[in-house]
């Protein structure tokens, strides 16, 4: 029965989508439950390039849940005896 529920939800989503103006449409998509759920599955930290260099931010559900921190340099960046 899950498919029926899914299809219903999907159709409602699209019907609602086309009633909206393009600007509102984007807002609706980004605030929809499906989109938020999809975004919340991103458990891995996001690397953001800042003027000071790359930083990692832990995102969950579109919210910043962890502090900014410098990501570890890749293995190849270590030079022995440096």
PDB file of N, CA and C in Angstrom:
ATOM      1  N   UNK A   1       0.827  -1.206   0.000  1.00  0.00           N
ATOM      2  CA  UNK A   1       0.000   0.000   0.000  1.00  0.00           C
ATOM      3  C   UNK A   1       0.867   1.265   0.000  1.00  0.00           C
ATOM      4  N   UNK A   2       2.128   1.089   0.261  1.00  0.00           N
ATOM      5  CA  UNK A   2       3.023   2.250   0.347  1.00  0.00           C
ATOM      6  C   UNK A   2       3.095   3.008  -0.984  1.00  0.00           C
ATOM      7  N   UNK A   3       2.985   2.241  -2.080  1.00  0.00           N
ATOM      8  CA  UNK A   3       3.076   2.891  -3.402  1.00  0.00           C
ATOM      9  C   UNK A   3       1.930   3.864  -3.628  1.00  0.00           C
ATOM     10  N   UNK A   4       0.734   3.462  -3.214  1.00  0.00           N
ATOM     11  CA  UNK A   4      -0.436   4.325  -3.403  1.00  0.00           C
ATOM     12  C   UNK A   4      -0.251   5.641  -2.646  1.00  0.00           C
ATOM     13  N   UNK A   5       0.236   5.504  -1.428  1.00  0.00           N
ATOM     14  CA  UNK A   5       0.462   6.678  -0.576  1.00  0.00           C
ATOM     15  C   UNK A   5       1.516   7.586  -1.226  1.00  0.00           C
ATOM     16  N   UNK A   6       2.551   6.954  -1.721  1.00  0.00           N
ATOM     17  CA  UNK A   6       3.647   7.691  -2.350  1.00  0.00           C
ATOM     18  C   UNK A   6       3.153   8.450  -3.581  1.00  0.00           C
ATOM     19  N   UNK A   7       2.371   7.751  -4.425  1.00  0.00           N
ATOM     20  CA  UNK A   7       1.858   8.380  -5.645  1.00  0.00           C
ATOM     21  C   UNK A   7       0.953   9.560  -5.298  1.00  0.00           C
ATOM     22  N   UNK A   8       0.112   9.367  -4.292  1.00  0.00           N
ATOM     23  CA  UNK A   8      -0.781  10.446  -3.852  1.00  0.00           C
ATOM     24  C   UNK A   8       0.004  11.658  -3.387  1.00  0.00           C
ATOM     25  N   UNK A   9       1.014  11.383  -2.608  1.00  0.00           N
ATOM     26  CA  UNK A   9       1.850  12.460  -2.069  1.00  0.00           C
ATOM     27  C   UNK A   9       2.574  13.183  -3.204  1.00  0.00           C
ATOM     28  N   UNK A  10       3.049  12.403  -4.149  1.00  0.00           N
ATOM     29  CA  UNK A  10       3.782  12.917  -5.301  1.00  0.00           C
ATOM     30  C   UNK A  10       2.891  13.826  -6.142  1.00  0.00           C
ATOM     31  N   UNK A  11       1.658  13.354  -6.413  1.00  0.00           N
ATOM     32  CA  UNK A  11       0.719  14.148  -7.212  1.00  0.00           C
ATOM     33  C   UNK A  11       0.348  15.440  -6.500  1.00  0.00           C
ATOM     34  N   UNK A  12       0.112  15.335  -5.203  1.00  0.00           N
ATOM     35  CA  UNK A  12      -0.211  16.538  -4.425  1.00  0.00           C
ATOM     36  C   UNK A  12       0.924  17.545  -4.515  1.00  0.00           C
ATOM     37  N   UNK A  13       2.129  17.028  -4.404  1.00  0.00           N
ATOM     38  CA  UNK A  13       3.327  17.866  -4.475  1.00  0.00           C
ATOM     39  C   UNK A  13       3.360  18.629  -5.802  1.00  0.00           C
ATOM     40  N   UNK A  14       3.138  17.904  -6.910  1.00  0.00           N
ATOM     41  CA  UNK A  14       3.208  18.545  -8.218  1.00  0.00           C
ATOM     42  C   UNK A  14       2.036  19.468  -8.503  1.00  0.00           C
ATOM     43  N   UNK A  15       0.849  19.081  -8.060  1.00  0.00           N
ATOM     44  CA  UNK A  15      -0.301  19.969  -8.254  1.00  0.00           C
ATOM     45  C   UNK A  15      -0.061  21.288  -7.551  1.00  0.00           C
ATOM     46  N   UNK A  16       0.425  21.187  -6.338  1.00  0.00           N
ATOM     47  CA  UNK A  16       0.706  22.375  -5.545  1.00  0.00           C
ATOM     48  C   UNK A  16       1.805  23.196  -6.222  1.00  0.00           C
ATOM     49  N   UNK A  17       2.760  22.516  -6.788  1.00  0.00           N
ATOM     50  CA  UNK A  17       3.910  23.158  -7.412  1.00  0.00           C
ATOM     51  C   UNK A  17       3.494  24.057  -8.566  1.00  0.00           C
ATOM     52  N   UNK A  18       2.547  23.580  -9.376  1.00  0.00           N
ATOM     53  CA  UNK A  18       2.183  24.348 -10.560  1.00  0.00           C
ATOM     54  C   UNK A  18       1.163  25.438 -10.287  1.00  0.00           C
ATOM     55  N   UNK A  19       0.649  25.497  -9.054  1.00  0.00           N
ATOM     56  CA  UNK A  19      -0.239  26.606  -8.696  1.00  0.00           C
ATOM     57  C   UNK A  19       0.593  27.820  -8.318  1.00  0.00           C
ATOM     58  N   UNK A  20       1.861  27.589  -8.036  1.00  0.00           N
ATOM     59  CA  UNK A  20       2.706  28.646  -7.491  1.00  0.00           C
ATOM     60  C   UNK A  20       3.462  29.426  -8.556  1.00  0.00           C
ATOM     61  N   UNK A  21       3.877  30.612  -8.183  1.00  0.00           N
ATOM     62  CA  UNK A  21       4.745  31.421  -9.037  1.00  0.00           C
ATOM     63  C   UNK A  21       6.152  30.838  -8.950  1.00  0.00           C
ATOM     64  N   UNK A  22       6.983  31.064  -9.977  1.00  0.00           N
ATOM     65  CA  UNK A  22       8.327  30.477  -9.952  1.00  0.00           C
ATOM     66  C   UNK A  22       9.114  30.723  -8.661  1.00  0.00           C
ATOM     67  N   UNK A  23       9.045  31.938  -8.113  1.00  0.00           N
ATOM     68  CA  UNK A  23       9.790  32.229  -6.883  1.00  0.00           C
ATOM     69  C   UNK A  23       9.238  31.429  -5.702  1.00  0.00           C
ATOM     70  N   UNK A  24       7.907  31.368  -5.629  1.00  0.00           N
ATOM     71  CA  UNK A  24       7.271  30.605  -4.549  1.00  0.00           C
ATOM     72  C   UNK A  24       7.535  29.124  -4.733  1.00  0.00           C
ATOM     73  N   UNK A  25       7.597  28.714  -5.993  1.00  0.00           N
ATOM     74  CA  UNK A  25       7.805  27.305  -6.320  1.00  0.00           C
ATOM     75  C   UNK A  25       9.119  26.804  -5.728  1.00  0.00           C
ATOM     76  N   UNK A  26      10.151  27.633  -5.887  1.00  0.00           N
ATOM     77  CA  UNK A  26      11.463  27.252  -5.366  1.00  0.00           C
ATOM     78  C   UNK A  26      11.409  27.121  -3.847  1.00  0.00           C
ATOM     79  N   UNK A  27      10.720  28.063  -3.230  1.00  0.00           N
ATOM     80  CA  UNK A  27      10.578  28.051  -1.782  1.00  0.00           C
ATOM     81  C   UNK A  27       9.830  26.792  -1.341  1.00  0.00           C
ATOM     82  N   UNK A  28       8.771  26.468  -2.073  1.00  0.00           N
ATOM     83  CA  UNK A  28       7.960  25.299  -1.737  1.00  0.00           C
ATOM     84  C   UNK A  28       8.783  24.028  -1.846  1.00  0.00           C
ATOM     85  N   UNK A  29       9.578  23.935  -2.904  1.00  0.00           N
ATOM     86  CA  UNK A  29      10.414  22.744  -3.084  1.00  0.00           C
ATOM     87  C   UNK A  29      11.394  22.617  -1.926  1.00  0.00           C
ATOM     88  N   UNK A  30      12.068  23.727  -1.601  1.00  0.00           N
ATOM     89  CA  UNK A  30      13.092  23.655  -0.557  1.00  0.00           C
ATOM     90  C   UNK A  30      12.494  23.414   0.815  1.00  0.00           C
ATOM     91  N   UNK A  31      11.214  23.749   0.988  1.00  0.00           N
ATOM     92  CA  UNK A  31      10.606  23.548   2.293  1.00  0.00           C
ATOM     93  C   UNK A  31       9.754  22.289   2.374  1.00  0.00           C
ATOM     94  N   UNK A  32       9.641  21.575   1.254  1.00  0.00           N
ATOM     95  CA  UNK A  32       8.793  20.387   1.268  1.00  0.00           C
ATOM     96  C   UNK A  32       9.426  19.293   2.119  1.00  0.00           C
ATOM     97  N   UNK A  33       8.572  18.443   2.637  1.00  0.00           N
ATOM     98  CA  UNK A  33       9.033  17.387   3.533  1.00  0.00           C
ATOM     99  C   UNK A  33       9.992  16.435   2.834  1.00  0.00           C
ATOM    100  N   UNK A  34       9.663  16.107   1.593  1.00  0.00           N
ATOM    101  CA  UNK A  34      10.518  15.157   0.873  1.00  0.00           C
ATOM    102  C   UNK A  34      11.919  15.737   0.688  1.00  0.00           C
ATOM    103  N   UNK A  35      11.979  16.995   0.297  1.00  0.00           N
ATOM    104  CA  UNK A  35      13.271  17.640   0.070  1.00  0.00           C
ATOM    105  C   UNK A  35      14.068  17.712   1.366  1.00  0.00           C
ATOM    106  N   UNK A  36      13.395  18.092   2.447  1.00  0.00           N
ATOM    107  CA  UNK A  36      14.101  18.196   3.731  1.00  0.00           C
ATOM    108  C   UNK A  36      14.609  16.842   4.181  1.00  0.00           C
ATOM    109  N   UNK A  37      13.796  15.795   3.935  1.00  0.00           N
ATOM    110  CA  UNK A  37      14.204  14.451   4.336  1.00  0.00           C
ATOM    111  C   UNK A  37      15.422  14.027   3.525  1.00  0.00           C
ATOM    112  N   UNK A  38      15.377  14.360   2.235  1.00  0.00           N
ATOM    113  CA  UNK A  38      16.474  14.003   1.350  1.00  0.00           C
ATOM    114  C   UNK A  38      17.753  14.709   1.811  1.00  0.00           C
ATOM    115  N   UNK A  39      17.627  15.988   2.149  1.00  0.00           N
ATOM    116  CA  UNK A  39      18.788  16.751   2.575  1.00  0.00           C
ATOM    117  C   UNK A  39      19.331  16.247   3.907  1.00  0.00           C
ATOM    118  N   UNK A  40      18.442  15.775   4.761  1.00  0.00           N
ATOM    119  CA  UNK A  40      18.885  15.354   6.086  1.00  0.00           C
ATOM    120  C   UNK A  40      19.665  14.050   6.027  1.00  0.00           C
ATOM    121  N   UNK A  41      19.653  13.400   4.864  1.00  0.00           N
ATOM    122  CA  UNK A  41      20.414  12.155   4.766  1.00  0.00           C
ATOM    123  C   UNK A  41      21.884  12.447   4.506  1.00  0.00           C
ATOM    124  N   UNK A  42      22.207  13.720   4.287  1.00  0.00           N
ATOM    125  CA  UNK A  42      23.607  14.075   4.090  1.00  0.00           C
ATOM    126  C   UNK A  42      24.277  14.122   5.460  1.00  0.00           C
ATOM    127  N   UNK A  43      24.915  13.010   5.816  1.00  0.00           N
ATOM    128  CA  UNK A  43      25.556  12.928   7.125  1.00  0.00           C
ATOM    129  C   UNK A  43      27.013  13.381   7.015  1.00  0.00           C
ATOM    130  N   UNK A  44      27.565  13.261   5.804  1.00  0.00           N
ATOM    131  CA  UNK A  44      28.983  13.580   5.665  1.00  0.00           C
ATOM    132  C   UNK A  44      29.170  15.092   5.715  1.00  0.00           C
ATOM    133  N   UNK A  45      30.264  15.539   6.280  1.00  0.00           N
ATOM    134  CA  UNK A  45      30.493  16.977   6.364  1.00  0.00           C
ATOM    135  C   UNK A  45      30.657  17.585   4.975  1.00  0.00           C
ATOM    136  N   UNK A  46      30.235  18.807   4.861  1.00  0.00           N
ATOM    137  CA  UNK A  46      30.324  19.514   3.602  1.00  0.00           C
ATOM    138  C   UNK A  46      31.582  20.366   3.651  1.00  0.00           C
ATOM    139  N   UNK A  47      32.382  20.318   2.614  1.00  0.00           N
ATOM    140  CA  UNK A  47      33.590  21.141   2.600  1.00  0.00           C
ATOM    141  C   UNK A  47      33.270  22.443   1.886  1.00  0.00           C
ATOM    142  N   UNK A  48      33.542  23.535   2.561  1.00  0.00           N
ATOM    143  CA  UNK A  48      33.266  24.858   2.007  1.00  0.00           C
ATOM    144  C   UNK A  48      34.584  25.579   1.821  1.00  0.00           C
ATOM    145  N   UNK A  49      34.773  26.139   0.625  1.00  0.00           N
ATOM    146  CA  UNK A  49      36.016  26.857   0.376  1.00  0.00           C
ATOM    147  C   UNK A  49      35.855  28.301   0.845  1.00  0.00           C
ATOM    148  N   UNK A  50      36.686  28.704   1.790  1.00  0.00           N
ATOM    149  CA  UNK A  50      36.641  30.066   2.314  1.00  0.00           C
ATOM    150  C   UNK A  50      37.970  30.729   1.976  1.00  0.00           C
ATOM    151  N   UNK A  51      38.049  32.042   2.089  1.00  0.00           N
ATOM    152  CA  UNK A  51      39.328  32.703   1.780  1.00  0.00           C
ATOM    153  C   UNK A  51      40.503  32.164   2.603  1.00  0.00           C
ATOM    154  N   UNK A  52      40.230  31.675   3.812  1.00  0.00           N
ATOM    155  CA  UNK A  52      41.310  31.129   4.648  1.00  0.00           C
ATOM    156  C   UNK A  52      41.667  29.698   4.254  1.00  0.00           C
ATOM    157  N   UNK A  53      40.919  29.135   3.333  1.00  0.00           N
ATOM    158  CA  UNK A  53      41.178  27.762   2.935  1.00  0.00           C
ATOM    159  C   UNK A  53      39.931  26.925   3.127  1.00  0.00           C
ATOM    160  N   UNK A  54      40.005  25.628   2.811  1.00  0.00           N
ATOM    161  CA  UNK A  54      38.805  24.791   2.919  1.00  0.00           C
ATOM    162  C   UNK A  54      38.410  24.535   4.375  1.00  0.00           C
ATOM    163  N   UNK A  55      37.115  24.583   4.640  1.00  0.00           N
ATOM    164  CA  UNK A  55      36.603  24.279   5.970  1.00  0.00           C
ATOM    165  C   UNK A  55      35.508  23.248   5.827  1.00  0.00           C
ATOM    166  N   UNK A  56      35.316  22.453   6.868  1.00  0.00           N
ATOM    167  CA  UNK A  56      34.240  21.468   6.858  1.00  0.00           C
ATOM    168  C   UNK A  56      33.126  21.961   7.746  1.00  0.00           C
ATOM    169  N   UNK A  57      31.904  21.775   7.287  1.00  0.00           N
ATOM    170  CA  UNK A  57      30.755  22.097   8.115  1.00  0.00           C
ATOM    171  C   UNK A  57      29.886  20.860   8.144  1.00  0.00           C
ATOM    172  N   UNK A  58      29.476  20.444   9.316  1.00  0.00           N
ATOM    173  CA  UNK A  58      28.604  19.279   9.401  1.00  0.00           C
ATOM    174  C   UNK A  58      27.166  19.755   9.236  1.00  0.00           C
ATOM    175  N   UNK A  59      26.517  19.301   8.170  1.00  0.00           N
ATOM    176  CA  UNK A  59      25.143  19.678   7.895  1.00  0.00           C
ATOM    177  C   UNK A  59      24.226  18.511   8.157  1.00  0.00           C
ATOM    178  N   UNK A  60      23.047  18.793   8.661  1.00  0.00           N
ATOM    179  CA  UNK A  60      22.048  17.751   8.843  1.00  0.00           C
ATOM    180  C   UNK A  60      20.692  18.409   8.676  1.00  0.00           C
ATOM    181  N   UNK A  61      19.945  17.954   7.710  1.00  0.00           N
ATOM    182  CA  UNK A  61      18.613  18.515   7.495  1.00  0.00           C
ATOM    183  C   UNK A  61      18.656  19.981   7.138  1.00  0.00           C
ATOM    184  N   UNK A  62      19.685  20.366   6.386  1.00  0.00           N
ATOM    185  CA  UNK A  62      19.790  21.753   5.979  1.00  0.00           C
ATOM    186  C   UNK A  62      20.261  22.685   7.081  1.00  0.00           C
ATOM    187  N   UNK A  63      20.540  22.132   8.254  1.00  0.00           N
ATOM    188  CA  UNK A  63      21.018  22.973   9.364  1.00  0.00           C
ATOM    189  C   UNK A  63      22.471  22.634   9.656  1.00  0.00           C
ATOM    190  N   UNK A  64      23.174  23.631  10.134  1.00  0.00           N
ATOM    191  CA  UNK A  64      24.561  23.427  10.520  1.00  0.00           C
ATOM    192  C   UNK A  64      24.543  22.802  11.907  1.00  0.00           C
ATOM    193  N   UNK A  65      24.974  21.531  12.029  1.00  0.00           N
ATOM    194  CA  UNK A  65      24.917  20.891  13.346  1.00  0.00           C
ATOM    195  C   UNK A  65      26.264  20.837  14.021  1.00  0.00           C
ATOM    196  N   UNK A  66      27.321  20.972  13.234  1.00  0.00           N
ATOM    197  CA  UNK A  66      28.641  20.879  13.837  1.00  0.00           C
ATOM    198  C   UNK A  66      29.402  22.168  13.638  1.00  0.00           C
ATOM    199  N   UNK A  67      30.501  22.324  14.337  1.00  0.00           N
ATOM    200  CA  UNK A  67      31.304  23.532  14.157  1.00  0.00           C
ATOM    201  C   UNK A  67      32.079  23.473  12.841  1.00  0.00           C
ATOM    202  N   UNK A  68      32.532  24.616  12.398  1.00  0.00           N
ATOM    203  CA  UNK A  68      33.408  24.644  11.233  1.00  0.00           C
ATOM    204  C   UNK A  68      34.747  24.104  11.688  1.00  0.00           C
ATOM    205  N   UNK A  69      35.372  23.290  10.860  1.00  0.00           N
ATOM    206  CA  UNK A  69      36.715  22.846  11.225  1.00  0.00           C
ATOM    207  C   UNK A  69      37.511  22.581   9.963  1.00  0.00           C
ATOM    208  N   UNK A  70      38.814  22.640  10.085  1.00  0.00           N
ATOM    209  CA  UNK A  70      39.661  22.380   8.926  1.00  0.00           C
ATOM    210  C   UNK A  70      39.619  20.892   8.628  1.00  0.00           C
ATOM    211  N   UNK A  71      39.362  20.517   7.377  1.00  0.00           N
ATOM    212  CA  UNK A  71      39.401  19.086   7.057  1.00  0.00           C
ATOM    213  C   UNK A  71      40.842  18.587   7.083  1.00  0.00           C
ATOM    214  N   UNK A  72      41.004  17.307   7.353  1.00  0.00           N
ATOM    215  CA  UNK A  72      42.350  16.737   7.361  1.00  0.00           C
ATOM    216  C   UNK A  72      42.897  16.766   5.945  1.00  0.00           C
ATOM    217  N   UNK A  73      44.160  17.142   5.793  1.00  0.00           N
ATOM    218  CA  UNK A  73      44.719  17.122   4.445  1.00  0.00           C
ATOM    219  C   UNK A  73      44.780  15.683   3.927  1.00  0.00           C
ATOM    220  N   UNK A  74      44.692  15.497   2.619  1.00  0.00           N
ATOM    221  CA  UNK A  74      44.761  14.131   2.085  1.00  0.00           C
ATOM    222  C   UNK A  74      46.116  13.489   2.370  1.00  0.00           C
ATOM    223  N   UNK A  75      46.142  12.164   2.335  1.00  0.00           N
ATOM    224  CA  UNK A  75      47.378  11.416   2.648  1.00  0.00           C
ATOM    225  C   UNK A  75      48.569  11.907   1.834  1.00  0.00           C
ATOM    226  N   UNK A  76      48.326  12.211   0.577  1.00  0.00           N
ATOM    227  CA  UNK A  76      49.414  12.634  -0.309  1.00  0.00           C
ATOM    228  C   UNK A  76      50.035  13.959   0.096  1.00  0.00           C
ATOM    229  N   UNK A  77      49.357  14.689   0.979  1.00  0.00           N
ATOM    230  CA  UNK A  77      49.869  16.000   1.376  1.00  0.00           C
ATOM    231  C   UNK A  77      50.996  15.890   2.403  1.00  0.00           C
ATOM    232  N   UNK A  78      51.108  14.730   3.048  1.00  0.00           N
ATOM    233  CA  UNK A  78      52.161  14.569   4.060  1.00  0.00           C
ATOM    234  C   UNK A  78      53.475  14.218   3.383  1.00  0.00           C
ATOM    235  N   UNK A  79      54.485  14.999   3.668  1.00  0.00           N
ATOM    236  CA  UNK A  79      55.803  14.693   3.110  1.00  0.00           C
ATOM    237  C   UNK A  79      56.676  14.152   4.233  1.00  0.00           C
ATOM    238  N   UNK A  80      57.184  12.926   4.091  1.00  0.00           N
ATOM    239  CA  UNK A  80      58.011  12.374   5.169  1.00  0.00           C
ATOM    240  C   UNK A  80      59.272  13.214   5.365  1.00  0.00           C
ATOM    241  N   UNK A  81      59.641  13.390   6.634  1.00  0.00           N
ATOM    242  CA  UNK A  81      60.856  14.139   6.967  1.00  0.00           C
ATOM    243  C   UNK A  81      60.713  15.638   6.729  1.00  0.00           C
ATOM    244  N   UNK A  82      59.457  16.117   6.583  1.00  0.00           N
ATOM    245  CA  UNK A  82      59.258  17.526   6.285  1.00  0.00           C
ATOM    246  C   UNK A  82      59.301  18.370   7.503  1.00  0.00           C
TER     247      UNK A  82
END
